[in-house]
Structure formats: structure tokens, C-alpha cells
PDB file of N, CA and C in Angstrom:
ATOM      1  N   UNK A   1       0.937  -1.249   0.079  1.00  0.00           N
ATOM      2  CA  UNK A   1      -0.006  -0.125  -0.163  1.00  0.00           C
ATOM      3  C   UNK A   1       1.006   1.130  -0.061  1.00  0.00           C
ATOM      4  N   UNK A   2       0.708   2.199  -0.926  1.00  0.00           N
ATOM      5  CA  UNK A   2       1.571   3.355  -1.016  1.00  0.00           C
ATOM      6  C   UNK A   2       1.352   4.350   0.129  1.00  0.00           C
ATOM      7  N   UNK A   3       2.228   4.861   0.545  1.00  0.00           N
ATOM      8  CA  UNK A   3       2.076   5.931   1.642  1.00  0.00           C
ATOM      9  C   UNK A   3       1.874   7.326   1.228  1.00  0.00           C
ATOM     10  N   UNK A   4       0.810   7.884   1.795  1.00  0.00           N
ATOM     11  CA  UNK A   4       0.321   9.477   1.294  1.00  0.00           C
ATOM     12  C   UNK A   4       1.555  10.275   1.493  1.00  0.00           C
ATOM     13  N   UNK A   5       1.826  11.275   0.735  1.00  0.00           N
ATOM     14  CA  UNK A   5       2.889  12.057   0.837  1.00  0.00           C
ATOM     15  C   UNK A   5       2.166  13.451   0.506  1.00  0.00           C
ATOM     16  N   UNK A   6       2.508  14.591   0.985  1.00  0.00           N
ATOM     17  CA  UNK A   6       2.061  15.864   0.776  1.00  0.00           C
ATOM     18  C   UNK A   6       3.142  16.976   0.989  1.00  0.00           C
ATOM     19  N   UNK A   7       3.150  18.067   0.227  1.00  0.00           N
ATOM     20  CA  UNK A   7       3.963  18.953   0.284  1.00  0.00           C
ATOM     21  C   UNK A   7       3.470  20.337   0.737  1.00  0.00           C
ATOM     22  N   UNK A   8       3.898  20.943   1.789  1.00  0.00           N
ATOM     23  CA  UNK A   8       3.431  22.177   2.410  1.00  0.00           C
ATOM     24  C   UNK A   8       4.121  23.169   3.017  1.00  0.00           C
ATOM     25  N   UNK A   9       3.852  24.121   3.570  1.00  0.00           N
ATOM     26  CA  UNK A   9       4.597  25.110   4.098  1.00  0.00           C
ATOM     27  C   UNK A   9       4.429  25.134   5.797  1.00  0.00           C
ATOM     28  N   UNK A  10       5.523  25.221   6.571  1.00  0.00           N
ATOM     29  CA  UNK A  10       5.416  25.459   7.926  1.00  0.00           C
ATOM     30  C   UNK A  10       4.924  26.855   8.457  1.00  0.00           C
ATOM     31  N   UNK A  11       3.716  26.627   9.140  1.00  0.00           N
ATOM     32  CA  UNK A  11       3.215  27.999   9.622  1.00  0.00           C
ATOM     33  C   UNK A  11       3.289  28.149  11.178  1.00  0.00           C
ATOM     34  N   UNK A  12       3.903  27.152  11.675  1.00  0.00           N
ATOM     35  CA  UNK A  12       4.155  27.173  13.453  1.00  0.00           C
ATOM     36  C   UNK A  12       5.246  26.178  13.681  1.00  0.00           C
ATOM     37  N   UNK A  13       6.016  26.388  14.678  1.00  0.00           N
ATOM     38  CA  UNK A  13       7.283  25.437  15.141  1.00  0.00           C
ATOM     39  C   UNK A  13       7.120  25.723  16.709  1.00  0.00           C
ATOM     40  N   UNK A  14       6.124  26.336  17.337  1.00  0.00           N
ATOM     41  CA  UNK A  14       6.176  26.501  18.834  1.00  0.00           C
ATOM     42  C   UNK A  14       6.064  25.210  19.575  1.00  0.00           C
ATOM     43  N   UNK A  15       5.601  24.272  19.202  1.00  0.00           N
ATOM     44  CA  UNK A  15       5.473  23.109  19.971  1.00  0.00           C
ATOM     45  C   UNK A  15       6.837  22.227  20.157  1.00  0.00           C
ATOM     46  N   UNK A  16       7.056  21.416  21.064  1.00  0.00           N
ATOM     47  CA  UNK A  16       8.128  20.547  21.110  1.00  0.00           C
ATOM     48  C   UNK A  16       7.835  19.386  20.291  1.00  0.00           C
ATOM     49  N   UNK A  17       8.757  19.235  19.275  1.00  0.00           N
ATOM     50  CA  UNK A  17       8.874  17.984  18.144  1.00  0.00           C
ATOM     51  C   UNK A  17       7.578  18.063  17.350  1.00  0.00           C
ATOM     52  N   UNK A  18       7.073  19.251  17.251  1.00  0.00           N
ATOM     53  CA  UNK A  18       5.725  19.288  16.497  1.00  0.00           C
ATOM     54  C   UNK A  18       5.609  20.521  15.570  1.00  0.00           C
ATOM     55  N   UNK A  19       5.425  20.394  14.500  1.00  0.00           N
ATOM     56  CA  UNK A  19       5.157  21.771  13.551  1.00  0.00           C
ATOM     57  C   UNK A  19       3.730  21.544  12.975  1.00  0.00           C
ATOM     58  N   UNK A  20       3.352  22.900  12.615  1.00  0.00           N
ATOM     59  CA  UNK A  20       1.872  22.794  11.799  1.00  0.00           C
ATOM     60  C   UNK A  20       2.290  23.140  10.450  1.00  0.00           C
ATOM     61  N   UNK A  21       1.675  22.340   9.590  1.00  0.00           N
ATOM     62  CA  UNK A  21       2.079  22.541   8.244  1.00  0.00           C
ATOM     63  C   UNK A  21       0.772  22.851   7.327  1.00  0.00           C
ATOM     64  N   UNK A  22       0.791  23.798   6.595  1.00  0.00           N
ATOM     65  CA  UNK A  22      -0.389  24.265   5.785  1.00  0.00           C
ATOM     66  C   UNK A  22      -0.317  23.784   4.406  1.00  0.00           C
ATOM     67  N   UNK A  23      -1.350  22.811   3.907  1.00  0.00           N
ATOM     68  CA  UNK A  23      -1.363  22.370   2.555  1.00  0.00           C
ATOM     69  C   UNK A  23      -2.463  22.904   1.644  1.00  0.00           C
ATOM     70  N   UNK A  24      -2.185  23.292   0.623  1.00  0.00           N
ATOM     71  CA  UNK A  24      -3.090  23.806  -0.309  1.00  0.00           C
ATOM     72  C   UNK A  24      -3.503  23.058  -1.334  1.00  0.00           C
ATOM     73  N   UNK A  25      -4.959  22.841  -1.557  1.00  0.00           N
ATOM     74  CA  UNK A  25      -5.299  21.884  -2.597  1.00  0.00           C
ATOM     75  C   UNK A  25      -6.096  22.981  -3.318  1.00  0.00           C
ATOM     76  N   UNK A  26      -5.770  22.905  -4.916  1.00  0.00           N
ATOM     77  CA  UNK A  26      -6.323  23.801  -5.798  1.00  0.00           C
ATOM     78  C   UNK A  26      -7.015  23.043  -6.963  1.00  0.00           C
ATOM     79  N   UNK A  27      -8.155  23.421  -7.140  1.00  0.00           N
ATOM     80  CA  UNK A  27      -9.215  22.761  -8.297  1.00  0.00           C
ATOM     81  C   UNK A  27     -10.025  23.759  -8.933  1.00  0.00           C
ATOM     82  N   UNK A  28     -10.622  23.395 -10.181  1.00  0.00           N
ATOM     83  CA  UNK A  28     -11.386  24.190 -10.783  1.00  0.00           C
ATOM     84  C   UNK A  28     -13.000  24.096 -10.225  1.00  0.00           C
ATOM     85  N   UNK A  29     -13.768  25.073 -10.231  1.00  0.00           N
ATOM     86  CA  UNK A  29     -14.969  25.058  -9.708  1.00  0.00           C
ATOM     87  C   UNK A  29     -15.714  24.402 -11.026  1.00  0.00           C
ATOM     88  N   UNK A  30     -16.821  23.398 -10.437  1.00  0.00           N
ATOM     89  CA  UNK A  30     -17.232  22.500 -11.718  1.00  0.00           C
ATOM     90  C   UNK A  30     -18.200  23.321 -12.550  1.00  0.00           C
ATOM     91  N   UNK A  31     -18.669  24.478 -12.314  1.00  0.00           N
ATOM     92  CA  UNK A  31     -19.906  25.142 -13.206  1.00  0.00           C
ATOM     93  C   UNK A  31     -19.054  26.560 -13.627  1.00  0.00           C
ATOM     94  N   UNK A  32     -18.342  27.246 -12.809  1.00  0.00           N
ATOM     95  CA  UNK A  32     -17.781  28.578 -13.085  1.00  0.00           C
ATOM     96  C   UNK A  32     -16.235  28.448 -13.550  1.00  0.00           C
ATOM     97  N   UNK A  33     -15.604  27.384 -13.583  1.00  0.00           N
ATOM     98  CA  UNK A  33     -14.232  27.192 -13.889  1.00  0.00           C
ATOM     99  C   UNK A  33     -13.324  28.260 -13.138  1.00  0.00           C
ATOM    100  N   UNK A  34     -13.472  28.703 -12.004  1.00  0.00           N
ATOM    101  CA  UNK A  34     -12.677  29.510 -11.215  1.00  0.00           C
ATOM    102  C   UNK A  34     -11.886  28.694 -10.369  1.00  0.00           C
ATOM    103  N   UNK A  35     -10.679  28.916 -10.320  1.00  0.00           N
ATOM    104  CA  UNK A  35      -9.671  28.241  -9.334  1.00  0.00           C
ATOM    105  C   UNK A  35     -10.067  28.360  -7.878  1.00  0.00           C
ATOM    106  N   UNK A  36     -10.480  27.434  -7.218  1.00  0.00           N
ATOM    107  CA  UNK A  36     -10.616  27.222  -5.790  1.00  0.00           C
ATOM    108  C   UNK A  36      -9.458  26.836  -4.837  1.00  0.00           C
ATOM    109  N   UNK A  37      -9.011  27.481  -3.970  1.00  0.00           N
ATOM    110  CA  UNK A  37      -7.973  27.073  -3.220  1.00  0.00           C
ATOM    111  C   UNK A  37      -8.542  26.730  -1.677  1.00  0.00           C
ATOM    112  N   UNK A  38      -8.534  25.431  -1.329  1.00  0.00           N
ATOM    113  CA  UNK A  38      -8.862  24.994  -0.230  1.00  0.00           C
ATOM    114  C   UNK A  38      -7.356  24.690   0.576  1.00  0.00           C
ATOM    115  N   UNK A  39      -7.447  25.179   1.998  1.00  0.00           N
ATOM    116  CA  UNK A  39      -6.132  25.065   2.833  1.00  0.00           C
ATOM    117  C   UNK A  39      -6.678  24.022   4.072  1.00  0.00           C
ATOM    118  N   UNK A  40      -5.608  23.182   4.425  1.00  0.00           N
ATOM    119  CA  UNK A  40      -5.986  22.352   5.713  1.00  0.00           C
ATOM    120  C   UNK A  40      -4.530  22.533   6.147  1.00  0.00           C
ATOM    121  N   UNK A  41      -4.721  22.423   7.568  1.00  0.00           N
ATOM    122  CA  UNK A  41      -3.520  22.336   8.540  1.00  0.00           C
ATOM    123  C   UNK A  41      -3.323  20.971   9.149  1.00  0.00           C
ATOM    124  N   UNK A  42      -2.038  20.421   9.141  1.00  0.00           N
ATOM    125  CA  UNK A  42      -1.761  19.169   9.709  1.00  0.00           C
ATOM    126  C   UNK A  42      -0.685  19.371  10.834  1.00  0.00           C
ATOM    127  N   UNK A  43      -0.859  18.620  11.847  1.00  0.00           N
ATOM    128  CA  UNK A  43       0.321  18.556  12.801  1.00  0.00           C
ATOM    129  C   UNK A  43       1.125  17.424  12.344  1.00  0.00           C
ATOM    130  N   UNK A  44       2.540  17.707  12.357  1.00  0.00           N
ATOM    131  CA  UNK A  44       3.458  16.911  11.856  1.00  0.00           C
ATOM    132  C   UNK A  44       4.742  16.699  12.827  1.00  0.00           C
ATOM    133  N   UNK A  45       5.174  15.590  13.009  1.00  0.00           N
ATOM    134  CA  UNK A  45       6.166  15.135  14.132  1.00  0.00           C
ATOM    135  C   UNK A  45       7.509  15.520  13.471  1.00  0.00           C
ATOM    136  N   UNK A  46       8.162  16.297  14.065  1.00  0.00           N
ATOM    137  CA  UNK A  46       9.499  16.680  13.875  1.00  0.00           C
ATOM    138  C   UNK A  46      10.546  16.406  14.688  1.00  0.00           C
ATOM    139  N   UNK A  47      11.079  15.101  14.724  1.00  0.00           N
ATOM    140  CA  UNK A  47      11.973  14.634  15.672  1.00  0.00           C
ATOM    141  C   UNK A  47      12.943  15.520  16.297  1.00  0.00           C
ATOM    142  N   UNK A  48      13.835  16.369  15.226  1.00  0.00           N
ATOM    143  CA  UNK A  48      14.940  16.970  15.646  1.00  0.00           C
ATOM    144  C   UNK A  48      14.636  18.622  15.853  1.00  0.00           C
ATOM    145  N   UNK A  49      13.465  18.687  15.728  1.00  0.00           N
ATOM    146  CA  UNK A  49      13.197  20.304  15.681  1.00  0.00           C
ATOM    147  C   UNK A  49      13.856  21.138  14.700  1.00  0.00           C
ATOM    148  N   UNK A  50      14.009  20.659  13.529  1.00  0.00           N
ATOM    149  CA  UNK A  50      15.117  21.384  12.658  1.00  0.00           C
ATOM    150  C   UNK A  50      14.124  22.278  11.553  1.00  0.00           C
ATOM    151  N   UNK A  51      12.777  22.332  11.782  1.00  0.00           N
ATOM    152  CA  UNK A  51      11.876  23.088  10.744  1.00  0.00           C
ATOM    153  C   UNK A  51      11.721  24.414  11.380  1.00  0.00           C
ATOM    154  N   UNK A  52      11.655  25.504  10.455  1.00  0.00           N
ATOM    155  CA  UNK A  52      11.407  26.990  10.916  1.00  0.00           C
ATOM    156  C   UNK A  52      10.170  27.431  10.162  1.00  0.00           C
ATOM    157  N   UNK A  53       9.529  28.391  10.538  1.00  0.00           N
ATOM    158  CA  UNK A  53       8.449  28.956   9.739  1.00  0.00           C
ATOM    159  C   UNK A  53       8.806  29.289   8.558  1.00  0.00           C
ATOM    160  N   UNK A  54       8.081  28.959   7.543  1.00  0.00           N
ATOM    161  CA  UNK A  54       8.197  29.219   6.208  1.00  0.00           C
ATOM    162  C   UNK A  54       8.853  28.239   5.265  1.00  0.00           C
ATOM    163  N   UNK A  55       9.336  27.325   5.875  1.00  0.00           N
ATOM    164  CA  UNK A  55      10.197  26.226   5.242  1.00  0.00           C
ATOM    165  C   UNK A  55       9.013  25.361   4.401  1.00  0.00           C
ATOM    166  N   UNK A  56       9.728  24.852   3.214  1.00  0.00           N
ATOM    167  CA  UNK A  56       8.693  23.942   2.366  1.00  0.00           C
ATOM    168  C   UNK A  56       9.169  22.727   2.812  1.00  0.00           C
ATOM    169  N   UNK A  57       8.076  21.651   3.050  1.00  0.00           N
ATOM    170  CA  UNK A  57       8.448  20.422   3.692  1.00  0.00           C
ATOM    171  C   UNK A  57       7.774  19.489   2.929  1.00  0.00           C
ATOM    172  N   UNK A  58       8.191  18.094   3.010  1.00  0.00           N
ATOM    173  CA  UNK A  58       7.591  17.018   2.442  1.00  0.00           C
ATOM    174  C   UNK A  58       7.353  16.136   3.638  1.00  0.00           C
ATOM    175  N   UNK A  59       5.943  15.642   3.962  1.00  0.00           N
ATOM    176  CA  UNK A  59       5.456  15.068   4.843  1.00  0.00           C
ATOM    177  C   UNK A  59       4.710  13.680   4.445  1.00  0.00           C
ATOM    178  N   UNK A  60       4.785  12.753   5.226  1.00  0.00           N
ATOM    179  CA  UNK A  60       4.048  11.356   4.756  1.00  0.00           C
ATOM    180  C   UNK A  60       3.343  11.034   6.033  1.00  0.00           C
ATOM    181  N   UNK A  61       2.192  10.270   5.619  1.00  0.00           N
ATOM    182  CA  UNK A  61       1.350   9.687   6.792  1.00  0.00           C
ATOM    183  C   UNK A  61       1.899   8.764   7.544  1.00  0.00           C
ATOM    184  N   UNK A  62       1.468   8.440   8.776  1.00  0.00           N
ATOM    185  CA  UNK A  62       2.152   7.374   9.694  1.00  0.00           C
ATOM    186  C   UNK A  62       0.966   6.972  10.685  1.00  0.00           C
ATOM    187  N   UNK A  63       1.332   6.187  11.504  1.00  0.00           N
ATOM    188  CA  UNK A  63       0.595   5.606  12.585  1.00  0.00           C
ATOM    189  C   UNK A  63       0.355   6.920  13.396  1.00  0.00           C
ATOM    190  N   UNK A  64      -1.076   6.884  14.122  1.00  0.00           N
ATOM    191  CA  UNK A  64      -1.248   7.979  15.276  1.00  0.00           C
ATOM    192  C   UNK A  64      -0.045   8.018  16.178  1.00  0.00           C
ATOM    193  N   UNK A  65       0.247   9.214  16.252  1.00  0.00           N
ATOM    194  CA  UNK A  65       1.363   9.428  17.350  1.00  0.00           C
ATOM    195  C   UNK A  65       0.817  10.156  18.473  1.00  0.00           C
ATOM    196  N   UNK A  66      -0.298  10.842  18.349  1.00  0.00           N
ATOM    197  CA  UNK A  66      -0.971  11.588  19.409  1.00  0.00           C
ATOM    198  C   UNK A  66      -2.533  11.608  18.996  1.00  0.00           C
ATOM    199  N   UNK A  67      -3.131  12.355  19.523  1.00  0.00           N
ATOM    200  CA  UNK A  67      -4.583  12.718  19.208  1.00  0.00           C
ATOM    201  C   UNK A  67      -4.902  13.321  18.045  1.00  0.00           C
ATOM    202  N   UNK A  68      -4.074  14.234  17.741  1.00  0.00           N
ATOM    203  CA  UNK A  68      -4.216  14.920  16.485  1.00  0.00           C
ATOM    204  C   UNK A  68      -3.047  14.727  15.299  1.00  0.00           C
ATOM    205  N   UNK A  69      -2.015  14.186  15.827  1.00  0.00           N
ATOM    206  CA  UNK A  69      -0.983  14.026  15.120  1.00  0.00           C
ATOM    207  C   UNK A  69      -0.836  12.557  14.246  1.00  0.00           C
ATOM    208  N   UNK A  70      -0.929  12.758  13.022  1.00  0.00           N
ATOM    209  CA  UNK A  70      -0.613  11.465  12.260  1.00  0.00           C
ATOM    210  C   UNK A  70       0.122  11.546  10.882  1.00  0.00           C
ATOM    211  N   UNK A  71       1.050  12.435  10.823  1.00  0.00           N
ATOM    212  CA  UNK A  71       2.015  12.672   9.676  1.00  0.00           C
ATOM    213  C   UNK A  71       3.243  13.049  10.505  1.00  0.00           C
ATOM    214  N   UNK A  72       4.492  12.680   9.602  1.00  0.00           N
ATOM    215  CA  UNK A  72       5.787  12.635  10.039  1.00  0.00           C
ATOM    216  C   UNK A  72       6.466  13.638   8.968  1.00  0.00           C
ATOM    217  N   UNK A  73       7.563  14.135   9.367  1.00  0.00           N
ATOM    218  CA  UNK A  73       8.413  14.885   8.413  1.00  0.00           C
ATOM    219  C   UNK A  73       9.394  14.049   7.579  1.00  0.00           C
ATOM    220  N   UNK A  74       9.131  13.957   6.279  1.00  0.00           N
ATOM    221  CA  UNK A  74      10.133  13.154   5.442  1.00  0.00           C
ATOM    222  C   UNK A  74      11.285  14.077   5.109  1.00  0.00           C
ATOM    223  N   UNK A  75      11.216  15.060   4.671  1.00  0.00           N
ATOM    224  CA  UNK A  75      12.505  15.930   4.392  1.00  0.00           C
ATOM    225  C   UNK A  75      12.004  17.439   4.192  1.00  0.00           C
ATOM    226  N   UNK A  76      13.051  18.109   4.414  1.00  0.00           N
ATOM    227  CA  UNK A  76      12.909  19.850   4.094  1.00  0.00           C
ATOM    228  C   UNK A  76      13.455  20.050   2.541  1.00  0.00           C
ATOM    229  N   UNK A  77      12.402  20.379   1.846  1.00  0.00           N
ATOM    230  CA  UNK A  77      12.676  20.773   0.493  1.00  0.00           C
ATOM    231  C   UNK A  77      13.399  21.950   0.182  1.00  0.00           C
ATOM    232  N   UNK A  78      12.868  23.238   0.862  1.00  0.00           N
ATOM    233  CA  UNK A  78      13.647  24.367   0.972  1.00  0.00           C
ATOM    234  C   UNK A  78      13.341  25.051   2.170  1.00  0.00           C
ATOM    235  N   UNK A  79      14.524  25.645   2.531  1.00  0.00           N
ATOM    236  CA  UNK A  79      14.569  26.408   3.772  1.00  0.00           C
ATOM    237  C   UNK A  79      14.002  27.949   3.624  1.00  0.00           C
ATOM    238  N   UNK A  80      13.442  28.528   4.509  1.00  0.00           N
ATOM    239  CA  UNK A  80      12.826  29.681   4.441  1.00  0.00           C
ATOM    240  C   UNK A  80      13.902  30.901   4.295  1.00  0.00           C
ATOM    241  N   UNK A  81      13.806  32.055   3.770  1.00  0.00           N
ATOM    242  CA  UNK A  81      14.827  32.971   3.664  1.00  0.00           C
ATOM    243  C   UNK A  81      14.438  33.988   5.064  1.00  0.00           C
ATOM    244  N   UNK A  82      13.418  33.658   5.786  1.00  0.00           N
ATOM    245  CA  UNK A  82      13.210  34.584   7.044  1.00  0.00           C
ATOM    246  C   UNK A  82      14.012  34.079   8.152  1.00  0.00           C
ATOM    247  N   UNK A  83      14.493  34.794   8.849  1.00  0.00           N
ATOM    248  CA  UNK A  83      15.209  34.393  10.097  1.00  0.00           C
ATOM    249  C   UNK A  83      14.381  34.605  11.214  1.00  0.00           C
ATOM    250  N   UNK A  84      14.186  33.445  11.960  1.00  0.00           N
ATOM    251  CA  UNK A  84      13.470  33.341  13.203  1.00  0.00           C
ATOM    252  C   UNK A  84      13.907  33.194  14.483  1.00  0.00           C
TER     253      UNK A  84
END
């Protein structure tokens, strides 16, 4: 069974070993053809606390790690130019 993977942007890293990742899904409206953007936030396990706000990351699905945390950090695609 293939593992689900998503690419998103880190919007919070204030928790210990946890980051919040924003993932956007774009699709055309079925009638009006306008592009609709839906955003969803995921809690992601970051074992080494290496992510900063604004980083682009690849996450993959895993077993439940806590009540809301079901994703793990696979790799950091690009670091943010913002210094935090």
C-alpha cells in the first residue's frame, strides 16, 4: 500500500517536536471554472526540531502519534529566507 505524501509550508514550530504545516489544494469550480483554493492544517512530527516558519517540507502519513498527530516529516525541500 503506498504511503500518502504531501508538500506544504510550515506555519508554526512553537511546540516541542511538532510543527503545523499548511497544505493547499487547488481545483477548478465545476460550473464557473474559477480556481478554488482549499487550505488544510496538519500537525506533523519533527523529531529533531529542525524546521522553521516558512520552510517548504515533504510529509508522509504514519500511525497515530497523538490525538491529532498522524504525519511525520520526511524531508525539508527548501529552507525559508526568513530568520526566526
